[in-house]
Amino acid sequence: MLKVGLTGGIGAGKSEVSRLLESYGAVLIDADKIAREVVEPGTPGLAAVVEAFGPEILDPEGALDRPKLGSIVFADADRLATLNAIVHPLVGARSMELEAATAPDAVVIHDVPLLAENKLSPLYDLVVVVDASPGTQLDRLVRLRAMAESEARARMAAQATREQRLAIADLVIDNDGPLEQLEPQVRKVWAELTERAAAPGRDSR
């Protein structure tokens, strides 16, 4: 099994890269998706979040009101740290369960937005970073996701810097340009990942 950490700043295009890698045959373990699952109604995770932030972060149906919670935590580093301390261990445990259930010869892509922030690179055989300039990230968030510029800047500021992500990268996918330039790069990365997975006696971190 080759364990790959995939990360990138918000708006860098990491989701498109993970979609392409999965279409080529990778096993995708999506930390964002798991993070939603561990705070679904009735879960211990949601109970812990409500205890920390109060019932006002629930919608009328009793589910987590993500925009409301986001407006709280992305404006306050301490409250973001509180949320992460609740959710990240639950995500990590579930990710390991899913990884353990995969085939021994699989290329497993762990899609982890906060890989650099949480210093998780030692968990993987190699790290792939999807890179885009801050200007491109901001443009995509405002233009494509209809975020207010102030919210987009706050989300970006809450993450690692571009330099911090690139410092942990084994492979970099440049997604600063148009979408048609992305797929050939991802296919090249996939070829390298499958080659490494098949290499006899390869070393892990």
Protein backbone atom coordinates (compact mmCIF):
# COMPACT_ATOMS: atom_id res chain seq x y z
CA MET A 1 0.00 0.00 0.00
CA LEU A 2 1.20 3.50 -0.86
CA LYS A 3 -0.18 6.11 1.55
CA VAL A 4 -0.34 9.55 -0.03
CA GLY A 5 -1.25 12.81 1.71
CA LEU A 6 -2.95 15.25 -0.67
CA THR A 7 -3.35 18.86 0.42
CA GLY A 8 -3.70 22.41 -0.86
CA GLY A 9 -5.07 25.75 0.24
CA ILE A 10 -8.75 26.59 -0.04
CA GLY A 11 -9.53 27.42 -3.66
CA ALA A 12 -6.40 25.71 -4.97
CA GLY A 13 -8.38 22.96 -6.71
CA LYS A 14 -7.54 20.00 -4.50
CA SER A 15 -11.03 18.52 -4.86
CA GLU A 16 -10.67 18.31 -8.64
CA VAL A 17 -7.28 16.63 -8.26
CA SER A 18 -8.66 14.06 -5.81
CA ARG A 19 -11.59 13.38 -8.18
CA LEU A 20 -9.19 12.73 -11.05
CA LEU A 21 -6.94 10.48 -8.96
CA GLU A 22 -9.94 8.46 -7.82
CA SER A 23 -11.08 8.10 -11.45
CA TYR A 24 -7.66 6.65 -12.31
CA GLY A 25 -7.96 3.99 -9.61
CA ALA A 26 -6.82 5.52 -6.34
CA VAL A 27 -8.66 4.77 -3.12
CA LEU A 28 -9.81 8.17 -1.83
CA ILE A 29 -10.21 8.90 1.87
CA ASP A 30 -11.68 12.40 2.11
CA ALA A 31 -11.05 14.10 5.46
CA ASP A 32 -13.63 16.83 4.75
CA LYS A 33 -16.31 14.24 4.03
CA ILE A 34 -15.41 12.33 7.19
CA ALA A 35 -15.42 15.59 9.17
CA ARG A 36 -19.05 16.07 8.15
CA GLU A 37 -19.95 12.49 9.03
CA VAL A 38 -18.50 12.62 12.55
CA VAL A 39 -20.73 15.58 13.49
CA GLU A 40 -23.98 14.31 12.01
CA PRO A 41 -27.07 14.42 14.26
CA GLY A 42 -26.89 11.83 17.01
CA THR A 43 -23.12 11.49 16.99
CA PRO A 44 -20.84 12.06 19.99
CA GLY A 45 -18.95 14.52 17.80
CA LEU A 46 -21.94 16.80 17.37
CA ALA A 47 -22.73 16.58 21.08
CA ALA A 48 -19.19 17.73 21.87
CA VAL A 49 -19.40 20.63 19.40
CA VAL A 50 -22.72 21.79 20.89
CA GLU A 51 -21.25 21.58 24.38
CA ALA A 52 -18.34 23.78 23.30
CA PHE A 53 -20.22 26.31 21.17
CA GLY A 54 -23.80 26.23 22.37
CA PRO A 55 -27.08 25.10 20.74
CA GLU A 56 -27.21 28.20 18.54
CA ILE A 57 -24.86 26.47 16.08
CA LEU A 58 -27.66 24.00 15.23
CA ASP A 59 -30.24 24.55 12.50
CA PRO A 60 -33.98 24.06 13.14
CA GLU A 61 -33.68 20.35 12.27
CA GLY A 62 -30.95 19.80 14.85
CA ALA A 63 -28.11 19.48 12.36
CA LEU A 64 -24.93 21.52 12.45
CA ASP A 65 -25.35 24.96 10.90
CA ARG A 66 -22.01 25.04 9.12
CA PRO A 67 -22.12 28.64 7.86
CA LYS A 68 -22.92 29.88 11.37
CA LEU A 69 -20.16 27.80 12.95
CA GLY A 70 -17.74 28.87 10.24
CA SER A 71 -18.46 32.55 10.87
CA ILE A 72 -17.52 31.97 14.53
CA VAL A 73 -14.37 29.89 14.22
CA PHE A 74 -12.74 31.55 11.22
CA ALA A 75 -12.85 34.89 13.02
CA ASP A 76 -11.28 33.55 16.22
CA ALA A 77 -8.16 31.37 16.24
CA ASP A 78 -8.82 30.06 19.75
CA ARG A 79 -12.32 28.92 18.89
CA LEU A 80 -11.04 27.30 15.69
CA ALA A 81 -8.49 25.41 17.79
CA THR A 82 -11.31 24.27 20.09
CA LEU A 83 -13.29 22.91 17.14
CA ASN A 84 -10.24 21.20 15.66
CA ALA A 85 -9.46 19.52 18.98
CA ILE A 86 -12.91 17.93 18.89
CA VAL A 87 -13.15 16.96 15.24
CA HIS A 88 -9.60 16.03 14.18
CA PRO A 89 -9.15 12.98 16.45
CA LEU A 90 -12.50 11.61 15.25
CA VAL A 91 -11.50 12.16 11.62
CA GLY A 92 -8.12 10.53 12.18
CA ALA A 93 -9.61 7.44 13.77
CA ARG A 94 -12.17 6.97 11.00
CA SER A 95 -9.53 7.53 8.31
CA MET A 96 -7.38 4.76 9.77
CA GLU A 97 -10.37 2.41 9.80
CA LEU A 98 -11.02 3.05 6.11
CA GLU A 99 -7.34 2.66 5.23
CA ALA A 100 -7.15 -0.66 7.04
CA ALA A 101 -10.02 -1.95 4.89
CA THR A 102 -8.25 -1.28 1.56
CA ALA A 103 -6.32 -3.77 -0.58
CA PRO A 104 -2.65 -4.21 0.32
CA ASP A 105 -1.50 -3.04 -3.13
CA ALA A 106 -3.72 0.06 -3.24
CA VAL A 107 -2.65 3.65 -3.76
CA VAL A 108 -4.54 5.38 -0.94
CA ILE A 109 -5.05 9.12 -1.27
CA HIS A 110 -5.78 10.89 2.01
CA ASP A 111 -7.37 14.21 1.00
CA VAL A 112 -6.44 16.36 4.03
CA PRO A 113 -6.97 20.14 3.82
CA LEU A 114 -5.06 20.86 7.06
CA LEU A 115 -2.19 18.44 6.54
CA ALA A 116 0.48 21.13 6.86
CA GLU A 117 -1.22 22.90 9.75
CA ASN A 118 -1.44 19.73 11.81
CA LYS A 119 2.05 18.51 10.85
CA LEU A 120 0.68 15.21 9.52
CA SER A 121 3.21 14.60 6.72
CA PRO A 122 5.05 11.84 8.68
CA LEU A 123 1.87 9.73 8.46
CA TYR A 124 2.25 9.31 4.69
CA ASP A 125 4.75 7.76 2.30
CA LEU A 126 4.72 11.01 0.36
CA VAL A 127 2.84 14.31 0.20
CA VAL A 128 1.30 15.86 -2.92
CA VAL A 129 0.51 19.58 -2.76
CA VAL A 130 -1.93 21.28 -5.12
CA ASP A 131 -0.51 24.77 -5.48
CA ALA A 132 -2.08 28.05 -6.54
CA SER A 133 -1.14 31.64 -5.82
CA PRO A 134 -3.09 33.51 -3.11
CA GLY A 135 -4.49 35.80 -5.80
CA THR A 136 -5.87 32.84 -7.74
CA GLN A 137 -7.32 31.32 -4.56
CA LEU A 138 -9.06 34.57 -3.66
CA ASP A 139 -10.45 35.01 -7.17
CA ARG A 140 -11.89 31.48 -7.22
CA LEU A 141 -13.47 31.80 -3.78
CA VAL A 142 -15.14 35.10 -4.62
CA ARG A 143 -16.04 34.38 -8.24
CA LEU A 144 -16.86 30.67 -8.16
CA ARG A 145 -18.03 30.12 -4.57
CA ALA A 146 -19.67 33.53 -4.17
CA MET A 147 -17.85 34.21 -0.90
CA ALA A 148 -17.53 37.73 0.38
CA GLU A 149 -13.93 38.85 -0.04
CA SER A 150 -13.54 39.37 3.72
CA GLU A 151 -14.72 35.82 4.41
CA ALA A 152 -12.44 34.40 1.73
CA ARG A 153 -9.44 36.22 3.18
CA ALA A 154 -10.31 34.99 6.68
CA ARG A 155 -10.53 31.39 5.47
CA MET A 156 -7.18 31.69 3.72
CA ALA A 157 -5.54 33.34 6.73
CA ALA A 158 -6.69 30.48 8.98
CA GLN A 159 -4.68 28.00 6.88
CA ALA A 160 -0.98 27.40 6.40
CA THR A 161 0.87 29.70 4.04
CA ARG A 162 1.74 28.67 0.51
CA GLU A 163 5.39 28.40 1.56
CA GLN A 164 4.57 26.12 4.51
CA ARG A 165 2.66 23.73 2.26
CA LEU A 166 5.36 23.65 -0.40
CA ALA A 167 7.98 22.94 2.26
CA ILE A 168 6.40 19.52 2.98
CA ALA A 169 5.69 18.59 -0.64
CA ASP A 170 7.25 15.59 -2.34
CA LEU A 171 5.28 16.30 -5.51
CA VAL A 172 3.64 19.59 -6.54
CA ILE A 173 0.73 20.05 -8.93
CA ASP A 174 0.57 23.61 -10.28
CA ASN A 175 -3.08 24.65 -10.54
CA ASP A 176 -2.60 28.37 -11.04
CA GLY A 177 -3.81 28.18 -14.61
CA PRO A 178 -6.95 27.02 -16.45
CA LEU A 179 -8.52 23.62 -15.82
CA GLU A 180 -7.29 22.10 -19.09
CA GLN A 181 -3.71 22.41 -17.83
CA LEU A 182 -4.48 20.40 -14.70
CA GLU A 183 -5.38 16.94 -16.01
CA PRO A 184 -2.04 16.17 -17.74
CA GLN A 185 -0.19 17.04 -14.53
CA VAL A 186 -2.44 14.82 -12.42
CA ARG A 187 -2.05 11.94 -14.85
CA LYS A 188 1.74 12.30 -14.63
CA VAL A 189 1.56 12.27 -10.82
CA TRP A 190 -0.65 9.18 -10.93
CA ALA A 191 1.91 7.38 -13.10
CA GLU A 192 4.61 8.19 -10.55
CA LEU A 193 2.45 7.04 -7.64
CA THR A 194 1.66 3.71 -9.25
CA GLU A 195 5.34 3.24 -10.11
CA ARG A 196 6.33 3.89 -6.49
CA ALA A 197 3.60 1.58 -5.21
CA ALA A 198 4.93 -1.24 -7.37
CA ALA A 199 8.61 -0.67 -6.57
CA PRO A 200 10.14 -3.60 -4.69
CA GLY A 201 11.50 -2.81 -1.26
CA ARG A 202 10.42 0.83 -1.39
CA ASP A 203 11.01 2.87 1.75
CA SER A 204 8.26 4.58 3.70
CA ARG A 205 8.79 7.72 5.72
